[in-house]
Amino acid sequence: MKQLIAFTFTVLFSISLSAQTISTMADERDGKTYEITKIGDKWWMSDILKFEPESGYKIADAETFTSGNRAGCIIYNWTTAQDVCPAGWLLPTKEDYIKILNEYGFGKIDQEDLYDKIPGALNAFTWTSSNVNEEKAYLYYVVFNAAGKLVQVLESSKESFYPVKCMTSGEHLLDQHKKNPNNIELLKNLTNLYLSDSNYNEALVFINKAIAIDSKNKYFFYARGFVYDNLEKYDEATLNYSTAIELDPDYFDALYSIGICNYNMAAKIYNKDIDGNTFDQVNYFLRKALPYIEKASKLQPYNENLANIKNTINQQLDTKK
C-alpha cells in the first residue's frame, strides 16, 4: 500500500494579536467594506469613508486634492462629518490622533507602511470632531517632505470639505448596544471585535443574540462556525457553516471555512496516529472537504492557497487508487 503524503496544517484565519491587528468591517448602509486596524484598545478605519449621505458631501476631483489617492473620494463638510460614520463608529478627536502618534507613531514604522498603520492618509487631510470655535474645526494631516516626517493638526472652516476616517472601541460599542439592543450592525461590530481578540465566548454571546433577532443572516452562522472551529467543536462548526451556505450557496468565507475545517480534521487524525485503521477516516474528511474547496476555488480562481490545498487533497486521495 502506498504511503500517505505528509500533511501541512492549514490554520483557519491566522490572526496576529499585537498592538495592531488587521480586520474588516462592512457598512450596512451601502454594503461597502473597509479594512480596519486595531491600535491599542481602539479600532480605526484604514480606508477613507465612502458613504454618500443625502447632503453635505462632494466627490473630490483632481483639482480639489492633488494627491492621486484623493481624486474620486467622498469629502464632507464638518457638520455632516459629525454624524456620517456607521452605527457604533465615531469621528476621532484631535486628541485621539495625537495619542496614536505618540504611542505607535513615527520612528516605529517604515514610510511605505504609513498608510496601513497610522489612521491618517499620506499627504492628505482628514476631519477631527474637535471644535475650534463656531466657524472653525481641527484637521489632521500627515505628510512626508524634504524635511522628513511631518504631522500637523490644522484649523479649517467648517464649510470646507475633507475626507473622514472613523474609529470605535469595545466600550463605545457596548454602550451603543445597551441603547439599541436589536441593532444588527452593532452586534456584528461587537462580534468582529471579540473574534479578532480571540475572545470566543464573549463573541458567542452576541452571535446568539443576533441569530435570535435575524435567523436569516448568513454572517452570524458563519461567525458561530468560526467560534466553534477555534474551540475545536468541529461538528458544531460544520453545522453552522452549512447553514450559512444554505442561506447563500456562493458565500466564499463559509465555503472556504467548512472545507478547511474538514481538511484540518483529516490532518489532525493523520498527525495523531496513522495506520490502516485511520487511513479511511483521513480520506473521509478529505472527500468532505474537496467539493467546498473546489467551489471556493471557482469563486476565487487565482487564490494560490486554495489551489495548493486542492492539489494536496487530490494527491492524498490518489494514493488509495
Protein backbone atom coordinates (compact mmCIF):
# COMPACT_ATOMS: atom_id res chain seq x y z
CA MET A 1 0.00 0.00 0.00
CA LYS A 2 1.28 3.48 -0.85
CA GLN A 3 2.32 5.75 1.98
CA LEU A 4 0.19 8.73 2.88
CA ILE A 5 1.61 12.05 1.82
CA ALA A 6 2.64 14.41 4.59
CA PHE A 7 0.03 16.96 5.62
CA THR A 8 0.70 20.58 6.36
CA PHE A 9 -1.85 22.11 8.73
CA THR A 10 -3.81 24.95 7.24
CA VAL A 11 -4.80 27.32 10.03
CA LEU A 12 -8.22 28.87 9.65
CA PHE A 13 -7.77 32.67 9.70
CA SER A 14 -4.42 33.28 11.28
CA ILE A 15 -4.85 36.40 13.46
CA SER A 16 -1.83 38.34 14.66
CA LEU A 17 -2.61 39.67 18.12
CA SER A 18 -0.35 42.64 18.63
CA ALA A 19 -0.79 46.35 19.10
CA GLN A 20 -2.12 46.47 15.58
CA THR A 21 -4.45 43.81 14.15
CA ILE A 22 -5.94 43.91 10.67
CA SER A 23 -9.58 43.00 10.07
CA THR A 24 -12.53 44.31 8.07
CA MET A 25 -15.98 45.76 8.63
CA ALA A 26 -18.95 46.27 6.33
CA ASP A 27 -21.13 49.37 6.36
CA GLU A 28 -24.69 48.03 6.37
CA ARG A 29 -25.97 51.27 4.83
CA ASP A 30 -24.41 50.65 1.43
CA GLY A 31 -22.57 47.32 1.74
CA LYS A 32 -19.10 48.83 1.32
CA THR A 33 -16.29 47.04 3.14
CA TYR A 34 -13.39 48.69 4.96
CA GLU A 35 -10.10 47.41 6.26
CA ILE A 36 -9.74 48.33 9.93
CA THR A 37 -6.71 48.39 12.20
CA LYS A 38 -6.65 47.76 15.93
CA ILE A 39 -4.25 50.11 17.69
CA GLY A 40 -4.18 49.81 21.45
CA ASP A 41 -7.78 49.46 22.63
CA LYS A 42 -9.38 51.21 19.64
CA TRP A 43 -10.25 50.28 16.08
CA TRP A 44 -9.56 52.63 13.18
CA MET A 45 -10.62 52.58 9.55
CA SER A 46 -7.58 52.30 7.34
CA ASP A 47 -9.69 53.46 4.43
CA ILE A 48 -11.42 56.78 3.89
CA LEU A 49 -15.19 56.62 4.35
CA LYS A 50 -17.07 56.21 1.05
CA PHE A 51 -20.65 56.65 2.27
CA GLU A 52 -22.82 59.17 0.39
CA PRO A 53 -25.37 60.86 2.70
CA GLU A 54 -28.33 62.87 1.48
CA SER A 55 -26.43 66.16 1.69
CA GLY A 56 -23.26 67.82 2.97
CA TYR A 57 -20.77 65.98 0.77
CA LYS A 58 -18.94 66.18 -2.55
CA ILE A 59 -16.92 63.84 -4.74
CA ALA A 60 -13.37 65.16 -4.91
CA ASP A 61 -11.76 65.85 -8.26
CA ALA A 62 -8.08 66.18 -9.15
CA GLU A 63 -8.20 69.93 -8.59
CA THR A 64 -9.67 69.53 -5.10
CA PHE A 65 -6.92 67.16 -3.97
CA THR A 66 -3.70 66.90 -5.92
CA SER A 67 -2.59 63.61 -4.31
CA GLY A 68 -3.51 60.70 -6.54
CA ASN A 69 -5.25 58.72 -3.83
CA ARG A 70 -7.67 61.60 -3.11
CA ALA A 71 -9.30 62.13 -6.51
CA GLY A 72 -12.71 60.49 -6.55
CA CYS A 73 -13.04 60.14 -2.78
CA ILE A 74 -16.03 61.36 -0.79
CA ILE A 75 -15.45 64.60 1.13
CA TYR A 76 -17.72 66.15 3.74
CA ASN A 77 -18.28 69.46 5.46
CA TRP A 78 -17.60 69.37 9.20
CA THR A 79 -21.24 69.35 10.31
CA THR A 80 -22.04 66.34 8.13
CA ALA A 81 -18.83 64.60 9.21
CA GLN A 82 -20.04 64.54 12.82
CA ASP A 83 -22.78 62.01 12.07
CA VAL A 84 -21.61 60.25 8.91
CA CYS A 85 -19.78 57.28 10.48
CA PRO A 86 -21.59 53.89 10.63
CA ALA A 87 -23.54 52.85 13.73
CA GLY A 88 -21.14 52.34 16.63
CA TRP A 89 -18.33 54.33 14.97
CA LEU A 90 -17.10 57.84 15.74
CA LEU A 91 -15.27 60.71 14.13
CA PRO A 92 -11.91 60.86 16.01
CA THR A 93 -10.98 63.81 18.17
CA LYS A 94 -7.77 65.77 17.81
CA GLU A 95 -6.55 64.06 21.00
CA ASP A 96 -7.29 60.60 19.57
CA TYR A 97 -4.93 61.23 16.68
CA ILE A 98 -2.20 62.70 18.87
CA LYS A 99 -2.37 59.74 21.26
CA ILE A 100 -1.98 57.24 18.43
CA LEU A 101 1.03 59.04 17.05
CA ASN A 102 2.67 59.28 20.48
CA GLU A 103 2.17 55.58 21.26
CA TYR A 104 2.54 53.86 17.89
CA GLY A 105 3.66 56.56 15.52
CA PHE A 106 6.73 57.87 13.83
CA GLY A 107 10.06 56.24 14.41
CA LYS A 108 8.36 52.86 14.88
CA ILE A 109 7.10 52.25 11.34
CA ASP A 110 8.50 52.47 7.83
CA GLN A 111 7.41 55.19 5.44
CA GLU A 112 5.99 52.64 3.00
CA ASP A 113 3.75 51.21 5.74
CA LEU A 114 2.43 54.57 6.92
CA TYR A 115 -0.97 54.38 5.29
CA ASP A 116 -1.69 50.89 6.65
CA LYS A 117 -0.58 51.51 10.22
CA ILE A 118 -1.41 55.10 11.03
CA PRO A 119 -5.05 56.19 10.85
CA GLY A 120 -4.43 59.09 8.53
CA ALA A 121 -3.75 59.27 4.82
CA LEU A 122 -0.40 60.25 3.41
CA ASN A 123 -0.34 63.80 2.03
CA ALA A 124 -4.00 64.36 2.88
CA PHE A 125 -6.27 65.96 5.42
CA THR A 126 -9.00 64.24 7.45
CA TRP A 127 -11.57 65.85 9.72
CA THR A 128 -11.48 65.54 13.50
CA SER A 129 -14.54 66.07 15.70
CA SER A 130 -12.69 68.72 17.71
CA ASN A 131 -14.14 72.18 17.59
CA VAL A 132 -12.06 75.39 17.43
CA ASN A 133 -14.93 77.88 17.53
CA GLU A 134 -18.26 78.48 15.82
CA GLU A 135 -16.60 78.84 12.43
CA LYS A 136 -13.59 76.50 12.53
CA ALA A 137 -12.66 72.90 13.44
CA TYR A 138 -9.45 70.85 13.51
CA LEU A 139 -7.97 68.78 10.68
CA TYR A 140 -5.37 66.03 10.92
CA TYR A 141 -2.58 65.96 8.32
CA VAL A 142 0.27 63.52 7.61
CA VAL A 143 2.97 64.30 5.07
CA PHE A 144 6.49 63.27 4.05
CA ASN A 145 8.53 66.06 2.53
CA ALA A 146 12.14 67.09 2.06
CA ALA A 147 12.37 67.97 5.75
CA GLY A 148 11.23 64.48 6.79
CA LYS A 149 8.17 63.24 8.62
CA LEU A 150 5.55 65.78 9.48
CA VAL A 151 2.24 65.56 11.32
CA GLN A 152 0.07 68.58 11.76
CA VAL A 153 -3.23 69.45 13.39
CA LEU A 154 -4.58 72.42 11.50
CA GLU A 155 -7.64 74.65 11.61
CA SER A 156 -10.15 74.96 8.78
CA SER A 157 -13.55 76.44 8.08
CA LYS A 158 -16.41 74.10 8.95
CA GLU A 159 -17.84 74.83 5.49
CA SER A 160 -14.77 73.24 3.82
CA PHE A 161 -14.91 69.67 2.55
CA TYR A 162 -12.47 66.93 3.63
CA PRO A 163 -12.38 63.12 3.94
CA VAL A 164 -13.38 61.18 7.06
CA LYS A 165 -11.91 58.18 8.85
CA CYS A 166 -13.87 56.59 11.67
CA MET A 167 -12.86 54.85 14.90
CA THR A 168 -14.51 52.88 17.67
CA SER A 169 -13.80 50.87 20.82
CA GLY A 170 -15.36 47.95 22.63
CA GLU A 171 -16.53 50.28 25.37
CA HIS A 172 -18.30 52.58 22.94
CA LEU A 173 -19.92 49.70 21.05
CA LEU A 174 -21.19 48.15 24.28
CA ASP A 175 -22.66 51.49 25.32
CA GLN A 176 -24.41 51.84 21.96
CA HIS A 177 -25.62 48.24 22.16
CA LYS A 178 -27.29 48.90 25.51
CA LYS A 179 -29.19 51.78 23.90
CA ASN A 180 -30.02 49.79 20.74
CA PRO A 181 -30.01 46.09 21.71
CA ASN A 182 -31.61 44.91 18.45
CA ASN A 183 -29.27 46.78 16.09
CA ILE A 184 -27.70 44.07 13.90
CA GLU A 185 -24.82 46.26 12.73
CA LEU A 186 -23.75 46.93 16.33
CA LEU A 187 -23.96 43.21 17.11
CA LYS A 188 -21.83 42.46 14.06
CA ASN A 189 -19.20 45.02 15.06
CA LEU A 190 -19.07 43.63 18.62
CA THR A 191 -18.76 40.12 17.23
CA ASN A 192 -15.86 41.16 14.99
CA LEU A 193 -14.03 42.89 17.83
CA TYR A 194 -14.26 39.90 20.16
CA LEU A 195 -13.34 37.44 17.40
CA SER A 196 -10.27 39.45 16.48
CA ASP A 197 -9.19 39.36 20.14
CA SER A 198 -9.81 35.58 20.19
CA ASN A 199 -12.41 36.15 22.91
CA TYR A 200 -14.67 33.43 21.54
CA ASN A 201 -17.03 33.02 24.48
CA GLU A 202 -17.89 36.73 24.52
CA ALA A 203 -18.29 36.73 20.75
CA LEU A 204 -20.69 33.80 21.01
CA VAL A 205 -22.96 35.79 23.33
CA PHE A 206 -23.50 38.48 20.70
CA ILE A 207 -23.71 35.98 17.84
CA ASN A 208 -26.52 34.11 19.56
CA LYS A 209 -28.34 37.37 20.28
CA ALA A 210 -28.09 38.32 16.61
CA ILE A 211 -29.37 34.96 15.35
CA ALA A 212 -32.35 35.22 17.72
CA ILE A 213 -33.16 38.57 16.07
CA ASP A 214 -32.33 37.64 12.47
CA SER A 215 -32.24 33.91 11.72
CA LYS A 216 -31.59 34.55 8.02
CA ASN A 217 -28.33 36.45 8.44
CA LYS A 218 -25.60 34.31 6.92
CA TYR A 219 -22.76 36.17 8.61
CA PHE A 220 -23.72 35.16 12.15
CA PHE A 221 -23.97 31.46 11.29
CA TYR A 222 -20.58 31.75 9.65
CA ALA A 223 -19.21 33.56 12.73
CA ARG A 224 -20.63 30.91 15.05
CA GLY A 225 -18.98 28.25 12.91
CA PHE A 226 -15.72 30.17 13.21
CA VAL A 227 -16.06 30.24 17.02
CA TYR A 228 -16.76 26.51 17.30
CA ASP A 229 -13.94 25.80 14.85
CA ASN A 230 -11.46 27.59 17.09
CA LEU A 231 -12.89 25.85 20.16
CA GLU A 232 -12.32 22.53 18.30
CA LYS A 233 -16.03 21.72 18.32
CA TYR A 234 -15.94 20.65 14.71
CA ASP A 235 -19.42 19.12 14.41
CA GLU A 236 -20.99 22.38 15.59
CA ALA A 237 -18.65 24.33 13.33
CA THR A 238 -19.59 22.43 10.16
CA LEU A 239 -23.30 22.62 11.05
CA ASN A 240 -23.16 26.42 11.25
CA TYR A 241 -21.00 26.79 8.16
CA SER A 242 -23.53 24.61 6.31
CA THR A 243 -26.40 26.83 7.44
CA ALA A 244 -24.54 29.90 6.15
CA ILE A 245 -24.07 28.16 2.79
CA GLU A 246 -27.77 27.23 2.66
CA LEU A 247 -28.55 30.92 3.04
CA ASP A 248 -26.02 31.85 0.35
CA PRO A 249 -24.61 28.99 -1.79
CA ASP A 250 -21.84 31.28 -3.07
CA TYR A 251 -20.72 32.52 0.35
CA PHE A 252 -16.95 32.22 -0.11
CA ASP A 253 -15.93 32.58 3.54
CA ALA A 254 -18.24 29.77 4.63
CA LEU A 255 -17.27 27.51 1.72
CA TYR A 256 -13.60 28.05 2.40
CA SER A 257 -14.00 27.55 6.15
CA ILE A 258 -16.01 24.33 6.02
CA GLY A 259 -13.52 22.95 3.53
CA ILE A 260 -10.58 23.85 5.75
CA CYS A 261 -12.40 22.56 8.84
CA ASN A 262 -12.76 19.11 7.26
CA TYR A 263 -9.21 19.25 5.91
CA ASN A 264 -7.84 20.05 9.35
CA MET A 265 -9.84 17.22 10.92
CA ALA A 266 -8.18 14.86 8.45
CA ALA A 267 -4.78 16.36 9.25
CA LYS A 268 -5.40 16.03 12.98
CA ILE A 269 -6.18 12.32 12.63
CA TYR A 270 -3.19 11.80 10.39
CA ASN A 271 -0.73 13.53 12.69
CA LYS A 272 -2.05 11.75 15.78
CA ASP A 273 -1.87 8.11 14.71
CA ILE A 274 -1.75 6.89 11.14
CA ASP A 275 -2.22 3.22 10.36
CA GLY A 276 -4.50 1.06 8.27
CA ASN A 277 -7.48 1.77 10.55
CA THR A 278 -7.25 5.55 10.34
CA PHE A 279 -6.50 5.72 6.59
CA ASP A 280 -10.20 5.64 5.71
CA GLN A 281 -11.03 8.25 8.36
CA VAL A 282 -8.48 10.65 6.89
CA ASN A 283 -9.82 10.21 3.39
CA TYR A 284 -13.41 10.51 4.61
CA PHE A 285 -12.79 14.06 5.82
CA LEU A 286 -10.75 14.93 2.73
CA ARG A 287 -13.62 13.84 0.49
CA LYS A 288 -15.95 16.02 2.54
CA ALA A 289 -13.55 18.95 2.20
CA LEU A 290 -12.92 18.68 -1.54
CA PRO A 291 -16.25 19.91 -3.03
CA TYR A 292 -16.19 23.00 -0.80
CA ILE A 293 -12.58 23.78 -1.71
CA GLU A 294 -13.37 23.26 -5.39
CA LYS A 295 -16.34 25.63 -5.29
CA ALA A 296 -14.37 28.23 -3.33
CA SER A 297 -11.62 27.92 -5.97
CA LYS A 298 -14.14 28.68 -8.71
CA LEU A 299 -15.19 31.82 -6.85
CA GLN A 300 -11.53 32.86 -6.43
CA PRO A 301 -9.68 31.17 -9.30
CA TYR A 302 -6.40 32.99 -8.62
CA ASN A 303 -6.19 32.04 -4.93
CA GLU A 304 -2.90 30.14 -4.70
CA ASN A 305 -3.60 28.88 -1.20
CA LEU A 306 -6.79 27.18 -2.35
CA ALA A 307 -5.02 25.69 -5.36
CA ASN A 308 -2.33 24.21 -3.12
CA ILE A 309 -4.90 22.74 -0.71
CA LYS A 310 -6.88 21.22 -3.58
CA ASN A 311 -3.72 19.65 -5.01
CA THR A 312 -2.77 18.22 -1.61
CA ILE A 313 -6.21 16.64 -1.17
CA ASN A 314 -6.22 15.16 -4.67
CA GLN A 315 -2.73 13.75 -4.23
CA GLN A 316 -3.72 12.14 -0.94
CA LEU A 317 -6.89 10.63 -2.35
CA ASP A 318 -4.93 9.32 -5.36
CA THR A 319 -2.78 7.16 -3.06
CA LYS A 320 -5.80 4.94 -2.50
CA LYS A 321 -6.14 4.18 -6.19
